[in-house]
Amino acid sequence: GHSQGEIAAAVVAGGLTIQDGARIVAL
């Protein structure tokens, strides 16, 4: 992932739930 793209990459990898990914990118 590049910058905020790492948040999406972590969700795709299974390291974050979609809920945690949303929390990180939104807040």
PDB file of all heavy atoms in Angstrom:
ATOM      1  N   GLY A   1       0.822  -1.205   0.000  1.00  0.00           N
ATOM      2  CA  GLY A   1       0.000   0.000   0.000  1.00  0.00           C
ATOM      3  C   GLY A   1       0.850   1.246   0.000  1.00  0.00           C
ATOM      4  O   GLY A   1       1.942   1.262   0.575  1.00  0.00           O
ATOM      5  N   HIS A   2       0.360   2.289  -0.651  1.00  0.00           N
ATOM      6  CA  HIS A   2       1.062   3.570  -0.679  1.00  0.00           C
ATOM      7  C   HIS A   2       0.282   4.559   0.173  1.00  0.00           C
ATOM      8  O   HIS A   2      -0.846   4.914  -0.147  1.00  0.00           O
ATOM      9  CB  HIS A   2       1.162   4.081  -2.119  1.00  0.00           C
ATOM     10  CG  HIS A   2       1.972   5.329  -2.276  1.00  0.00           C
ATOM     11  ND1 HIS A   2       1.531   6.569  -1.847  1.00  0.00           N
ATOM     12  CD2 HIS A   2       3.202   5.528  -2.807  1.00  0.00           C
ATOM     13  CE1 HIS A   2       2.452   7.465  -2.120  1.00  0.00           C
ATOM     14  NE2 HIS A   2       3.477   6.867  -2.698  1.00  0.00           N
ATOM     15  N   SER A   3       0.874   4.992   1.285  1.00  0.00           N
ATOM     16  CA  SER A   3       0.229   5.946   2.190  1.00  0.00           C
ATOM     17  C   SER A   3      -1.118   5.398   2.656  1.00  0.00           C
ATOM     18  O   SER A   3      -1.181   4.320   3.221  1.00  0.00           O
ATOM     19  CB  SER A   3       0.102   7.308   1.501  1.00  0.00           C
ATOM     20  OG  SER A   3      -0.293   8.310   2.401  1.00  0.00           O
ATOM     21  N   GLN A   4      -2.236   6.119   2.385  1.00  0.00           N
ATOM     22  CA  GLN A   4      -3.531   5.625   2.846  1.00  0.00           C
ATOM     23  C   GLN A   4      -3.898   4.303   2.180  1.00  0.00           C
ATOM     24  O   GLN A   4      -4.736   3.560   2.679  1.00  0.00           O
ATOM     25  CB  GLN A   4      -4.627   6.643   2.585  1.00  0.00           C
ATOM     26  CG  GLN A   4      -5.002   6.776   1.117  1.00  0.00           C
ATOM     27  CD  GLN A   4      -6.404   7.316   0.911  1.00  0.00           C
ATOM     28  OE1 GLN A   4      -6.587   8.526   0.878  1.00  0.00           O
ATOM     29  NE2 GLN A   4      -7.353   6.439   0.766  1.00  0.00           N
ATOM     30  N   GLY A   5      -3.235   3.981   1.049  1.00  0.00           N
ATOM     31  CA  GLY A   5      -3.488   2.706   0.389  1.00  0.00           C
ATOM     32  C   GLY A   5      -3.153   1.514   1.265  1.00  0.00           C
ATOM     33  O   GLY A   5      -3.653   0.405   1.046  1.00  0.00           O
ATOM     34  N   GLU A   6      -2.294   1.736   2.274  1.00  0.00           N
ATOM     35  CA  GLU A   6      -1.981   0.630   3.188  1.00  0.00           C
ATOM     36  C   GLU A   6      -3.199   0.222   4.012  1.00  0.00           C
ATOM     37  O   GLU A   6      -3.289  -0.926   4.448  1.00  0.00           O
ATOM     38  CB  GLU A   6      -0.837   1.027   4.132  1.00  0.00           C
ATOM     39  CG  GLU A   6       0.530   0.948   3.484  1.00  0.00           C
ATOM     40  CD  GLU A   6       1.646   0.725   4.494  1.00  0.00           C
ATOM     41  OE1 GLU A   6       1.657   1.416   5.540  1.00  0.00           O
ATOM     42  OE2 GLU A   6       2.504  -0.133   4.231  1.00  0.00           O
ATOM     43  N   ILE A   7      -4.129   1.142   4.226  1.00  0.00           N
ATOM     44  CA  ILE A   7      -5.337   0.794   4.976  1.00  0.00           C
ATOM     45  C   ILE A   7      -6.157  -0.213   4.172  1.00  0.00           C
ATOM     46  O   ILE A   7      -6.647  -1.221   4.709  1.00  0.00           O
ATOM     47  CB  ILE A   7      -6.182   2.042   5.305  1.00  0.00           C
ATOM     48  CG1 ILE A   7      -5.326   3.107   5.997  1.00  0.00           C
ATOM     49  CG2 ILE A   7      -7.374   1.668   6.177  1.00  0.00           C
ATOM     50  CD1 ILE A   7      -6.029   4.446   6.197  1.00  0.00           C
ATOM     51  N   ALA A   8      -6.295   0.048   2.875  1.00  0.00           N
ATOM     52  CA  ALA A   8      -7.001  -0.895   2.006  1.00  0.00           C
ATOM     53  C   ALA A   8      -6.223  -2.195   1.887  1.00  0.00           C
ATOM     54  O   ALA A   8      -6.808  -3.294   1.929  1.00  0.00           O
ATOM     55  CB  ALA A   8      -7.219  -0.271   0.627  1.00  0.00           C
ATOM     56  N   ALA A   9      -4.906  -2.110   1.735  1.00  0.00           N
ATOM     57  CA  ALA A   9      -4.074  -3.306   1.610  1.00  0.00           C
ATOM     58  C   ALA A   9      -4.204  -4.199   2.843  1.00  0.00           C
ATOM     59  O   ALA A   9      -4.247  -5.433   2.731  1.00  0.00           O
ATOM     60  CB  ALA A   9      -2.619  -2.916   1.394  1.00  0.00           C
ATOM     61  N   ALA A  10      -4.288  -3.584   4.023  1.00  0.00           N
ATOM     62  CA  ALA A  10      -4.421  -4.360   5.261  1.00  0.00           C
ATOM     63  C   ALA A  10      -5.754  -5.088   5.318  1.00  0.00           C
ATOM     64  O   ALA A  10      -5.840  -6.223   5.803  1.00  0.00           O
ATOM     65  CB  ALA A  10      -4.275  -3.439   6.469  1.00  0.00           C
ATOM     66  N   VAL A  11      -6.818  -4.454   4.810  1.00  0.00           N
ATOM     67  CA  VAL A  11      -8.132  -5.113   4.756  1.00  0.00           C
ATOM     68  C   VAL A  11      -8.090  -6.281   3.776  1.00  0.00           C
ATOM     69  O   VAL A  11      -8.565  -7.382   4.069  1.00  0.00           O
ATOM     70  CB  VAL A  11      -9.232  -4.106   4.354  1.00  0.00           C
ATOM     71  CG1 VAL A  11     -10.561  -4.818   4.107  1.00  0.00           C
ATOM     72  CG2 VAL A  11      -9.397  -3.041   5.427  1.00  0.00           C
ATOM     73  N   VAL A  12      -7.510  -6.047   2.603  1.00  0.00           N
ATOM     74  CA  VAL A  12      -7.415  -7.100   1.589  1.00  0.00           C
ATOM     75  C   VAL A  12      -6.587  -8.276   2.105  1.00  0.00           C
ATOM     76  O   VAL A  12      -6.915  -9.442   1.853  1.00  0.00           O
ATOM     77  CB  VAL A  12      -6.799  -6.540   0.289  1.00  0.00           C
ATOM     78  CG1 VAL A  12      -6.526  -7.659  -0.715  1.00  0.00           C
ATOM     79  CG2 VAL A  12      -7.732  -5.501  -0.323  1.00  0.00           C
ATOM     80  N   ALA A  13      -5.533  -7.987   2.864  1.00  0.00           N
ATOM     81  CA  ALA A  13      -4.678  -9.045   3.409  1.00  0.00           C
ATOM     82  C   ALA A  13      -5.350  -9.834   4.524  1.00  0.00           C
ATOM     83  O   ALA A  13      -4.898 -10.923   4.873  1.00  0.00           O
ATOM     84  CB  ALA A  13      -3.376  -8.445   3.926  1.00  0.00           C
ATOM     85  N   GLY A  14      -6.433  -9.274   5.087  1.00  0.00           N
ATOM     86  CA  GLY A  14      -7.092  -9.933   6.208  1.00  0.00           C
ATOM     87  C   GLY A  14      -6.565  -9.481   7.550  1.00  0.00           C
ATOM     88  O   GLY A  14      -6.932 -10.025   8.591  1.00  0.00           O
ATOM     89  N   GLY A  15      -5.711  -8.454   7.551  1.00  0.00           N
ATOM     90  CA  GLY A  15      -5.143  -7.963   8.804  1.00  0.00           C
ATOM     91  C   GLY A  15      -6.045  -7.015   9.556  1.00  0.00           C
ATOM     92  O   GLY A  15      -5.886  -6.812  10.762  1.00  0.00           O
ATOM     93  N   LEU A  16      -7.008  -6.402   8.850  1.00  0.00           N
ATOM     94  CA  LEU A  16      -8.000  -5.526   9.463  1.00  0.00           C
ATOM     95  C   LEU A  16      -9.377  -5.942   8.991  1.00  0.00           C
ATOM     96  O   LEU A  16      -9.547  -6.355   7.840  1.00  0.00           O
ATOM     97  CB  LEU A  16      -7.771  -4.067   9.053  1.00  0.00           C
ATOM     98  CG  LEU A  16      -6.529  -3.323   9.530  1.00  0.00           C
ATOM     99  CD1 LEU A  16      -6.505  -1.921   8.917  1.00  0.00           C
ATOM    100  CD2 LEU A  16      -6.478  -3.225  11.050  1.00  0.00           C
ATOM    101  N   THR A  17     -10.372  -5.817   9.856  1.00  0.00           N
ATOM    102  CA  THR A  17     -11.747  -5.981   9.411  1.00  0.00           C
ATOM    103  C   THR A  17     -12.123  -4.760   8.584  1.00  0.00           C
ATOM    104  O   THR A  17     -11.469  -3.717   8.657  1.00  0.00           O
ATOM    105  CB  THR A  17     -12.708  -6.093  10.596  1.00  0.00           C
ATOM    106  OG1 THR A  17     -12.675  -4.851  11.339  1.00  0.00           O
ATOM    107  CG2 THR A  17     -12.326  -7.244  11.518  1.00  0.00           C
ATOM    108  N   ILE A  18     -13.171  -4.878   7.809  1.00  0.00           N
ATOM    109  CA  ILE A  18     -13.611  -3.733   7.012  1.00  0.00           C
ATOM    110  C   ILE A  18     -14.072  -2.603   7.932  1.00  0.00           C
ATOM    111  O   ILE A  18     -13.937  -1.426   7.605  1.00  0.00           O
ATOM    112  CB  ILE A  18     -14.718  -4.160   6.027  1.00  0.00           C
ATOM    113  CG1 ILE A  18     -14.854  -3.129   4.906  1.00  0.00           C
ATOM    114  CG2 ILE A  18     -16.034  -4.405   6.742  1.00  0.00           C
ATOM    115  CD1 ILE A  18     -15.700  -3.613   3.750  1.00  0.00           C
ATOM    116  N   GLN A  19     -14.566  -2.964   9.123  1.00  0.00           N
ATOM    117  CA  GLN A  19     -14.990  -1.952  10.098  1.00  0.00           C
ATOM    118  C   GLN A  19     -13.790  -1.179  10.638  1.00  0.00           C
ATOM    119  O   GLN A  19     -13.833   0.055  10.761  1.00  0.00           O
ATOM    120  CB  GLN A  19     -15.765  -2.610  11.247  1.00  0.00           C
ATOM    121  CG  GLN A  19     -17.130  -3.161  10.866  1.00  0.00           C
ATOM    122  CD  GLN A  19     -17.060  -4.476  10.117  1.00  0.00           C
ATOM    123  OE1 GLN A  19     -16.040  -5.185  10.173  1.00  0.00           O
ATOM    124  NE2 GLN A  19     -18.131  -4.822   9.426  1.00  0.00           N
ATOM    125  N   ASP A  20     -12.701  -1.884  10.950  1.00  0.00           N
ATOM    126  CA  ASP A  20     -11.513  -1.192  11.442  1.00  0.00           C
ATOM    127  C   ASP A  20     -10.871  -0.352  10.336  1.00  0.00           C
ATOM    128  O   ASP A  20     -10.358   0.745  10.588  1.00  0.00           O
ATOM    129  CB  ASP A  20     -10.496  -2.197  11.990  1.00  0.00           C
ATOM    130  CG  ASP A  20     -10.706  -2.490  13.469  1.00  0.00           C
ATOM    131  OD1 ASP A  20     -11.457  -1.732  14.118  1.00  0.00           O
ATOM    132  OD2 ASP A  20     -10.111  -3.457  13.973  1.00  0.00           O
ATOM    133  N   GLY A  21     -10.900  -0.861   9.108  1.00  0.00           N
ATOM    134  CA  GLY A  21     -10.374  -0.076   7.996  1.00  0.00           C
ATOM    135  C   GLY A  21     -11.138   1.226   7.827  1.00  0.00           C
ATOM    136  O   GLY A  21     -10.548   2.287   7.623  1.00  0.00           O
ATOM    137  N   ALA A  22     -12.468   1.136   7.941  1.00  0.00           N
ATOM    138  CA  ALA A  22     -13.315   2.331   7.834  1.00  0.00           C
ATOM    139  C   ALA A  22     -13.030   3.305   8.966  1.00  0.00           C
ATOM    140  O   ALA A  22     -12.956   4.527   8.757  1.00  0.00           O
ATOM    141  CB  ALA A  22     -14.783   1.926   7.841  1.00  0.00           C
ATOM    142  N   ARG A  23     -12.861   2.792  10.177  1.00  0.00           N
ATOM    143  CA  ARG A  23     -12.565   3.646  11.331  1.00  0.00           C
ATOM    144  C   ARG A  23     -11.263   4.415  11.107  1.00  0.00           C
ATOM    145  O   ARG A  23     -11.203   5.635  11.311  1.00  0.00           O
ATOM    146  CB  ARG A  23     -12.441   2.786  12.601  1.00  0.00           C
ATOM    147  CG  ARG A  23     -11.985   3.569  13.841  1.00  0.00           C
ATOM    148  CD  ARG A  23     -11.672   2.630  14.991  1.00  0.00           C
ATOM    149  NE  ARG A  23     -12.857   1.958  15.440  1.00  0.00           N
ATOM    150  CZ  ARG A  23     -13.708   2.437  16.362  1.00  0.00           C
ATOM    151  NH1 ARG A  23     -13.450   3.615  16.927  1.00  0.00           N
ATOM    152  NH2 ARG A  23     -14.765   1.764  16.720  1.00  0.00           N
ATOM    153  N   ILE A  24     -10.222   3.719  10.661  1.00  0.00           N
ATOM    154  CA  ILE A  24      -8.923   4.358  10.488  1.00  0.00           C
ATOM    155  C   ILE A  24      -8.975   5.440   9.420  1.00  0.00           C
ATOM    156  O   ILE A  24      -8.551   6.581   9.642  1.00  0.00           O
ATOM    157  CB  ILE A  24      -7.851   3.309  10.123  1.00  0.00           C
ATOM    158  CG1 ILE A  24      -7.644   2.332  11.289  1.00  0.00           C
ATOM    159  CG2 ILE A  24      -6.529   3.995   9.767  1.00  0.00           C
ATOM    160  CD1 ILE A  24      -6.871   1.087  10.909  1.00  0.00           C
ATOM    161  N   VAL A  25      -9.528   5.094   8.243  1.00  0.00           N
ATOM    162  CA  VAL A  25      -9.493   6.056   7.142  1.00  0.00           C
ATOM    163  C   VAL A  25     -10.411   7.248   7.401  1.00  0.00           C
ATOM    164  O   VAL A  25     -10.086   8.381   7.039  1.00  0.00           O
ATOM    165  CB  VAL A  25      -9.846   5.363   5.801  1.00  0.00           C
ATOM    166  CG1 VAL A  25     -11.322   5.029   5.703  1.00  0.00           C
ATOM    167  CG2 VAL A  25      -9.411   6.231   4.632  1.00  0.00           C
ATOM    168  N   ALA A  26     -11.551   7.015   8.066  1.00  0.00           N
ATOM    169  CA  ALA A  26     -12.484   8.113   8.318  1.00  0.00           C
ATOM    170  C   ALA A  26     -11.977   9.052   9.403  1.00  0.00           C
ATOM    171  O   ALA A  26     -11.954  10.279   9.219  1.00  0.00           O
ATOM    172  CB  ALA A  26     -13.852   7.553   8.703  1.00  0.00           C
ATOM    173  N   LEU A  27     -11.555   8.506  10.538  1.00  0.00           N
ATOM    174  CA  LEU A  27     -11.133   9.351  11.649  1.00  0.00           C
ATOM    175  C   LEU A  27      -9.795  10.029  11.373  1.00  0.00           C
ATOM    176  O   LEU A  27      -9.580  11.179  11.762  1.00  0.00           O
ATOM    177  CB  LEU A  27     -11.063   8.522  12.932  1.00  0.00           C
ATOM    178  CG  LEU A  27     -12.411   7.960  13.420  1.00  0.00           C
ATOM    179  CD1 LEU A  27     -12.236   7.182  14.726  1.00  0.00           C
ATOM    180  CD2 LEU A  27     -13.431   9.081  13.605  1.00  0.00           C
TER     181      LEU A  27
END
